[in-house]
């Protein structure tokens, strides 16, 4: 798992990431237990072995793995639940664990890393996104921009200030607390709207034609491949003309030419998706593709920037 319990506060979160930033195993695909360091592997196996002896405790933790502060034994059991899901390739279970964590502690993460907007987005990605979307607006004239996983809303506000022609900017995030804060912070901005909810459900209920969908900073890694396919297919069916711009991290050793299916990767055991393949399968044309290396403080890693259009 990538981060400690956020109840410990933002400072412990920052210290944890900085301590592990140089640990390169976190950026690679996990195809088997041998892809984990020996110390992590031993803890995983110990947790897996503990499950038959802690059945009631395992059921309680499984229902709400990040709902409370855990003692040493409970953490070992939780490690065992992760290990069992990994060994059985139960992506749905891993997705549920990830959602449970971020639904509870996303606001703490965003508070701890407020500087990521300047340090990462403005430094590495803003110019490319603005250039790609400006060229897009000259040809397809999108009217709406929807950011999935909008966090603190800084990227959405920045794009609203720098993109002409797009009239409505909407941010979607799983955290109701984060969305409430965004509404207070940007109450003077009638051009911005924020909604809390699951992105898959929101896209299915609210997709409009002439919309650009955006993700930034690692959002889709917490979605199942089937969920991402559902989003893309729905947009391709009901939102044309439409476009999607993503800035997402993938496994450093994910072979996009050979490995089409999504793979488990990183400390969090999130998902490395083959984005070019998934876009093409849904009928999108890729207009921009580039890669960069992540900031060392964030653990480095491999980031892809893609603009895909369905017209």
Protein backbone atom coordinates (compact mmCIF):
# COMPACT_ATOMS: atom_id res chain seq x y z
CA UNK A 1 0.00 0.00 0.00
CA UNK A 2 1.28 3.44 -0.89
CA UNK A 3 0.46 5.54 2.14
CA UNK A 4 0.01 5.19 5.90
CA UNK A 5 -3.34 5.77 7.56
CA UNK A 6 -4.13 9.41 6.85
CA UNK A 7 -5.45 9.85 10.38
CA UNK A 8 -1.81 10.28 11.36
CA UNK A 9 -1.90 13.58 9.52
CA UNK A 10 -0.37 15.17 6.48
CA UNK A 11 3.14 15.28 7.92
CA UNK A 12 3.42 11.51 8.26
CA UNK A 13 2.15 11.12 4.71
CA UNK A 14 4.86 13.37 3.32
CA UNK A 15 7.57 11.67 5.39
CA UNK A 16 6.44 8.24 4.19
CA UNK A 17 6.54 9.15 0.50
CA UNK A 18 9.89 10.92 0.78
CA UNK A 19 11.36 7.96 2.65
CA UNK A 20 10.29 5.58 -0.10
CA UNK A 21 10.76 7.84 -3.12
CA UNK A 22 14.00 6.14 -4.10
CA UNK A 23 12.49 2.66 -3.79
CA UNK A 24 12.15 1.85 -7.48
CA UNK A 25 10.15 -1.35 -6.98
CA UNK A 26 7.10 0.85 -6.46
CA UNK A 27 7.05 1.88 -10.12
CA UNK A 28 7.13 -1.60 -11.63
CA UNK A 29 4.48 -4.15 -12.57
CA UNK A 30 3.78 -6.92 -10.04
CA UNK A 31 3.34 -10.13 -11.99
CA UNK A 32 4.15 -12.45 -9.08
CA UNK A 33 5.31 -12.33 -5.46
CA UNK A 34 8.91 -12.44 -6.64
CA UNK A 35 8.48 -8.88 -7.94
CA UNK A 36 8.28 -7.61 -4.35
CA UNK A 37 11.37 -7.02 -2.15
CA UNK A 38 12.14 -9.86 0.23
CA UNK A 39 11.01 -7.97 3.34
CA UNK A 40 7.68 -7.06 1.74
CA UNK A 41 7.25 -10.61 0.47
CA UNK A 42 7.77 -12.09 3.93
CA UNK A 43 5.18 -9.75 5.46
CA UNK A 44 2.72 -10.61 2.69
CA UNK A 45 3.16 -14.34 3.22
CA UNK A 46 2.89 -13.96 7.00
CA UNK A 47 -0.35 -12.07 6.59
CA UNK A 48 -1.70 -14.65 4.18
CA UNK A 49 -0.89 -17.44 6.64
CA UNK A 50 -2.62 -15.54 9.47
CA UNK A 51 -6.00 -15.35 7.72
CA UNK A 52 -7.28 -18.87 8.60
CA UNK A 53 -6.58 -18.18 12.28
CA UNK A 54 -8.24 -14.73 12.32
CA UNK A 55 -11.42 -15.32 10.36
CA UNK A 56 -13.72 -12.96 12.30
CA UNK A 57 -11.08 -10.25 12.43
CA UNK A 58 -10.46 -10.68 8.70
CA UNK A 59 -14.19 -10.29 7.92
CA UNK A 60 -14.35 -7.07 9.92
CA UNK A 61 -11.26 -5.59 8.32
CA UNK A 62 -12.31 -6.73 4.87
CA UNK A 63 -15.59 -4.84 5.23
CA UNK A 64 -13.85 -1.54 6.06
CA UNK A 65 -10.05 -1.90 5.77
CA UNK A 66 -9.25 1.76 6.47
CA UNK A 67 -12.16 2.62 8.71
CA UNK A 68 -10.22 2.77 11.97
CA UNK A 69 -6.75 2.75 13.45
CA UNK A 70 -5.33 -0.79 13.36
CA UNK A 71 -2.98 -2.57 15.71
CA UNK A 72 -0.07 -4.73 14.59
CA UNK A 73 -2.12 -7.91 14.21
CA UNK A 74 -4.91 -6.16 12.32
CA UNK A 75 -2.39 -4.62 9.92
CA UNK A 76 -0.93 -8.06 9.34
CA UNK A 77 -4.41 -9.39 8.57
CA UNK A 78 -5.04 -6.52 6.18
CA UNK A 79 -1.73 -7.32 4.49
CA UNK A 80 -2.96 -10.88 4.17
CA UNK A 81 -6.20 -9.76 2.53
CA UNK A 82 -4.21 -7.73 0.02
CA UNK A 83 -1.93 -10.69 -0.62
CA UNK A 84 -4.81 -13.09 -1.16
CA UNK A 85 -6.41 -10.69 -3.64
CA UNK A 86 -3.10 -10.24 -5.44
CA UNK A 87 -2.32 -13.94 -5.67
CA UNK A 88 -5.80 -14.73 -7.00
CA UNK A 89 -5.68 -11.73 -9.41
CA UNK A 90 -8.87 -10.44 -7.80
CA UNK A 91 -8.76 -6.94 -9.27
CA UNK A 92 -12.27 -6.18 -8.05
CA UNK A 93 -11.20 -6.73 -4.43
CA UNK A 94 -8.11 -4.57 -4.87
CA UNK A 95 -10.27 -1.87 -6.44
CA UNK A 96 -12.58 -1.95 -3.42
CA UNK A 97 -9.64 -1.54 -1.03
CA UNK A 98 -8.33 1.40 -3.04
CA UNK A 99 -11.75 3.07 -3.10
CA UNK A 100 -12.13 2.59 0.63
CA UNK A 101 -8.81 4.30 1.27
CA UNK A 102 -9.32 7.25 -1.05
CA UNK A 103 -12.96 7.80 -0.13
CA UNK A 104 -11.85 8.31 3.48
CA UNK A 105 -8.48 9.97 3.15
CA UNK A 106 -8.34 11.76 -0.20
CA UNK A 107 -8.75 15.14 1.46
CA UNK A 108 -5.77 14.50 3.73
CA UNK A 109 -3.66 13.61 0.71
CA UNK A 110 -4.64 16.74 -1.21
CA UNK A 111 -3.97 18.91 1.85
CA UNK A 112 -0.52 17.34 2.25
CA UNK A 113 0.44 17.81 -1.39
CA UNK A 114 -1.02 21.19 -2.29
CA UNK A 115 2.26 22.08 -3.97
CA UNK A 116 1.80 19.37 -6.63
CA UNK A 117 -0.14 21.83 -8.79
CA UNK A 118 2.88 24.14 -9.12
CA UNK A 119 5.59 21.51 -8.71
CA UNK A 120 4.20 18.97 -11.17
CA UNK A 121 1.33 20.25 -13.29
CA UNK A 122 2.60 23.74 -14.07
CA UNK A 123 6.20 22.58 -14.43
CA UNK A 124 5.67 19.51 -16.61
CA UNK A 125 2.20 19.26 -18.12
CA UNK A 126 0.33 22.56 -18.35
CA UNK A 127 1.96 23.74 -21.57
CA UNK A 128 1.32 20.45 -23.36
CA UNK A 129 -2.29 20.23 -22.20
CA UNK A 130 -3.08 23.82 -23.19
CA UNK A 131 -1.43 23.39 -26.59
CA UNK A 132 -3.26 20.14 -27.34
CA UNK A 133 -6.64 21.44 -26.19
CA UNK A 134 -6.27 24.76 -28.00
CA UNK A 135 -5.66 22.87 -31.24
CA UNK A 136 -8.65 20.67 -30.47
CA UNK A 137 -10.96 23.64 -29.89
CA UNK A 138 -10.06 25.06 -33.29
CA UNK A 139 -11.39 21.95 -35.02
CA UNK A 140 -14.15 20.41 -32.90
CA UNK A 141 -15.31 23.36 -30.72
CA UNK A 142 -15.96 21.54 -27.42
CA UNK A 143 -18.38 23.28 -25.07
CA UNK A 144 -17.71 21.40 -21.82
CA UNK A 145 -14.69 20.15 -19.91
CA UNK A 146 -15.10 17.54 -17.18
CA UNK A 147 -12.20 16.64 -14.90
CA UNK A 148 -12.49 13.20 -13.33
CA UNK A 149 -10.71 13.18 -9.98
CA UNK A 150 -10.49 16.96 -9.70
CA UNK A 151 -8.93 17.03 -6.21
CA UNK A 152 -8.57 20.61 -5.00
CA UNK A 153 -9.81 22.11 -8.28
CA UNK A 154 -6.64 24.06 -9.15
CA UNK A 155 -6.19 22.39 -12.54
CA UNK A 156 -9.82 22.96 -13.47
CA UNK A 157 -9.61 26.66 -12.54
CA UNK A 158 -6.34 27.03 -14.45
CA UNK A 159 -7.82 25.54 -17.61
CA UNK A 160 -10.89 27.74 -17.31
CA UNK A 161 -8.59 30.78 -17.21
CA UNK A 162 -6.52 29.68 -20.22
CA UNK A 163 -8.93 28.01 -22.63
CA UNK A 164 -11.25 30.10 -24.77
CA UNK A 165 -14.40 28.69 -26.27
CA UNK A 166 -15.17 26.11 -23.61
CA UNK A 167 -18.12 27.37 -21.60
CA UNK A 168 -18.59 24.92 -18.73
CA UNK A 169 -15.99 23.36 -16.44
CA UNK A 170 -17.02 20.54 -14.10
CA UNK A 171 -14.98 18.68 -11.49
CA UNK A 172 -15.89 15.19 -10.27
CA UNK A 173 -14.34 13.60 -7.18
CA UNK A 174 -15.13 10.65 -4.95
CA UNK A 175 -14.62 12.66 -1.76
CA UNK A 176 -17.70 14.56 -0.63
CA UNK A 177 -15.56 16.49 1.86
CA UNK A 178 -13.18 17.60 -0.89
CA UNK A 179 -16.05 18.68 -3.14
CA UNK A 180 -17.65 20.69 -0.33
CA UNK A 181 -14.36 22.53 0.21
CA UNK A 182 -14.02 23.21 -3.52
CA UNK A 183 -17.48 24.72 -3.62
CA UNK A 184 -16.52 27.06 -0.78
CA UNK A 185 -13.09 27.90 -2.24
CA UNK A 186 -14.46 28.65 -5.72
CA UNK A 187 -17.85 30.10 -4.83
CA UNK A 188 -16.80 33.27 -6.66
CA UNK A 189 -16.29 31.28 -9.87
CA UNK A 190 -19.67 30.64 -11.57
CA UNK A 191 -17.82 28.99 -14.47
CA UNK A 192 -16.80 26.08 -12.21
CA UNK A 193 -19.10 23.33 -10.90
CA UNK A 194 -18.17 20.46 -8.58
CA UNK A 195 -19.94 17.16 -7.95
CA UNK A 196 -19.15 14.26 -5.61
CA UNK A 197 -19.67 10.74 -6.86
CA UNK A 198 -18.38 7.71 -8.68
CA UNK A 199 -17.02 8.70 -12.09
CA UNK A 200 -18.40 5.63 -13.88
CA UNK A 201 -21.94 6.42 -12.71
CA UNK A 202 -21.56 10.13 -13.39
CA UNK A 203 -20.34 9.64 -16.96
CA UNK A 204 -23.20 7.28 -17.72
CA UNK A 205 -25.77 9.72 -16.37
CA UNK A 206 -24.41 13.08 -17.50
CA UNK A 207 -22.33 12.67 -20.67
CA UNK A 208 -23.05 15.38 -23.23
CA UNK A 209 -21.83 15.83 -26.75
CA UNK A 210 -18.96 18.27 -27.36
CA UNK A 211 -17.23 17.44 -24.07
CA UNK A 212 -13.55 17.02 -23.20
CA UNK A 213 -12.88 14.61 -20.34
CA UNK A 214 -9.67 15.12 -18.39
CA UNK A 215 -7.72 13.18 -15.77
CA UNK A 216 -4.51 14.44 -14.19
CA UNK A 217 -1.93 13.17 -11.74
CA UNK A 218 -2.88 9.50 -11.52
CA UNK A 219 -6.64 8.92 -11.35
CA UNK A 220 -7.49 6.06 -13.67
CA UNK A 221 -4.98 3.75 -11.98
CA UNK A 222 -7.69 3.21 -9.35
CA UNK A 223 -10.27 2.07 -11.93
CA UNK A 224 -10.74 -1.48 -13.13
CA UNK A 225 -10.02 -2.09 -16.78
CA UNK A 226 -13.70 -2.95 -17.25
CA UNK A 227 -14.74 0.35 -15.66
CA UNK A 228 -12.42 2.33 -17.90
CA UNK A 229 -13.73 0.45 -20.92
CA UNK A 230 -17.29 1.25 -19.81
CA UNK A 231 -16.46 4.96 -19.57
CA UNK A 232 -14.79 5.07 -22.98
CA UNK A 233 -17.54 3.08 -24.66
CA UNK A 234 -20.26 5.26 -23.18
CA UNK A 235 -18.50 8.43 -24.31
CA UNK A 236 -17.95 6.95 -27.76
CA UNK A 237 -21.61 6.02 -28.02
CA UNK A 238 -23.36 9.00 -26.42
CA UNK A 239 -20.88 11.88 -26.39
CA UNK A 240 -19.63 12.19 -29.95
CA UNK A 241 -17.94 14.43 -30.83
CA UNK A 242 -15.85 14.04 -27.69
CA UNK A 243 -12.25 13.92 -26.51
CA UNK A 244 -10.28 12.66 -23.53
CA UNK A 245 -7.00 14.09 -22.25
CA UNK A 246 -5.14 12.05 -19.64
CA UNK A 247 -1.96 12.40 -17.59
CA UNK A 248 -1.58 8.99 -15.97
CA UNK A 249 1.15 6.83 -14.52
CA UNK A 250 1.81 3.27 -15.67
CA UNK A 251 4.24 0.52 -14.77
CA UNK A 252 7.78 1.37 -15.79
CA UNK A 253 8.14 -2.06 -17.40
CA UNK A 254 4.62 -2.34 -18.86
CA UNK A 255 5.16 -3.40 -22.49
CA UNK A 256 2.38 -1.52 -24.29
CA UNK A 257 3.08 -3.39 -27.53
CA UNK A 258 2.55 -6.85 -26.04
CA UNK A 259 0.64 -6.55 -22.77
CA UNK A 260 -2.84 -5.35 -23.65
CA UNK A 261 -4.62 -6.13 -20.39
CA UNK A 262 -4.24 -3.99 -17.28
CA UNK A 263 -1.63 -5.11 -14.76
CA UNK A 264 -1.18 -4.69 -11.01
CA UNK A 265 1.65 -2.34 -10.14
CA UNK A 266 3.16 -0.05 -7.51
CA UNK A 267 3.08 -0.10 -3.72
CA UNK A 268 -0.67 0.47 -3.69
CA UNK A 269 -1.35 -2.45 -6.02
CA UNK A 270 -3.27 -0.17 -8.32
CA UNK A 271 -3.60 -0.74 -12.08
CA UNK A 272 -1.30 -0.01 -14.98
CA UNK A 273 -3.59 0.33 -18.00
CA UNK A 274 -2.59 0.07 -21.64
CA UNK A 275 -4.21 3.39 -22.53
CA UNK A 276 -3.37 3.50 -26.25
CA UNK A 277 -4.89 0.06 -26.74
CA UNK A 278 -8.03 0.87 -24.72
CA UNK A 279 -8.60 4.13 -26.59
CA UNK A 280 -8.18 2.46 -29.96
CA UNK A 281 -10.49 -0.40 -28.98
CA UNK A 282 -13.20 2.14 -28.13
CA UNK A 283 -12.80 3.85 -31.50
CA UNK A 284 -10.80 6.90 -30.39
CA UNK A 285 -8.03 8.37 -32.53
CA UNK A 286 -4.91 9.37 -30.60
CA UNK A 287 -3.83 12.89 -31.54
CA UNK A 288 -1.07 13.32 -28.97
CA UNK A 289 1.14 10.87 -27.09
CA UNK A 290 4.17 11.65 -24.96
CA UNK A 291 5.90 10.29 -21.87
CA UNK A 292 7.87 11.78 -19.01
CA UNK A 293 9.54 10.66 -15.79
CA UNK A 294 7.90 11.58 -12.50
CA UNK A 295 9.38 13.80 -9.82
CA UNK A 296 11.70 11.95 -7.39
CA UNK A 297 9.68 13.12 -4.39
CA UNK A 298 6.66 11.33 -5.90
CA UNK A 299 8.64 8.15 -6.47
CA UNK A 300 9.59 8.87 -10.09
CA UNK A 301 7.81 6.47 -12.38
CA UNK A 302 6.53 6.59 -15.93
CA UNK A 303 3.84 9.04 -16.95
CA UNK A 304 1.91 9.14 -20.23
CA UNK A 305 0.09 12.11 -21.71
CA UNK A 306 -2.54 11.29 -24.29
CA UNK A 307 -5.19 13.24 -26.17
CA UNK A 308 -7.69 10.91 -27.82
CA UNK A 309 -10.60 12.08 -29.97
CA UNK A 310 -13.83 10.40 -31.01
CA UNK A 311 -15.53 12.24 -33.85
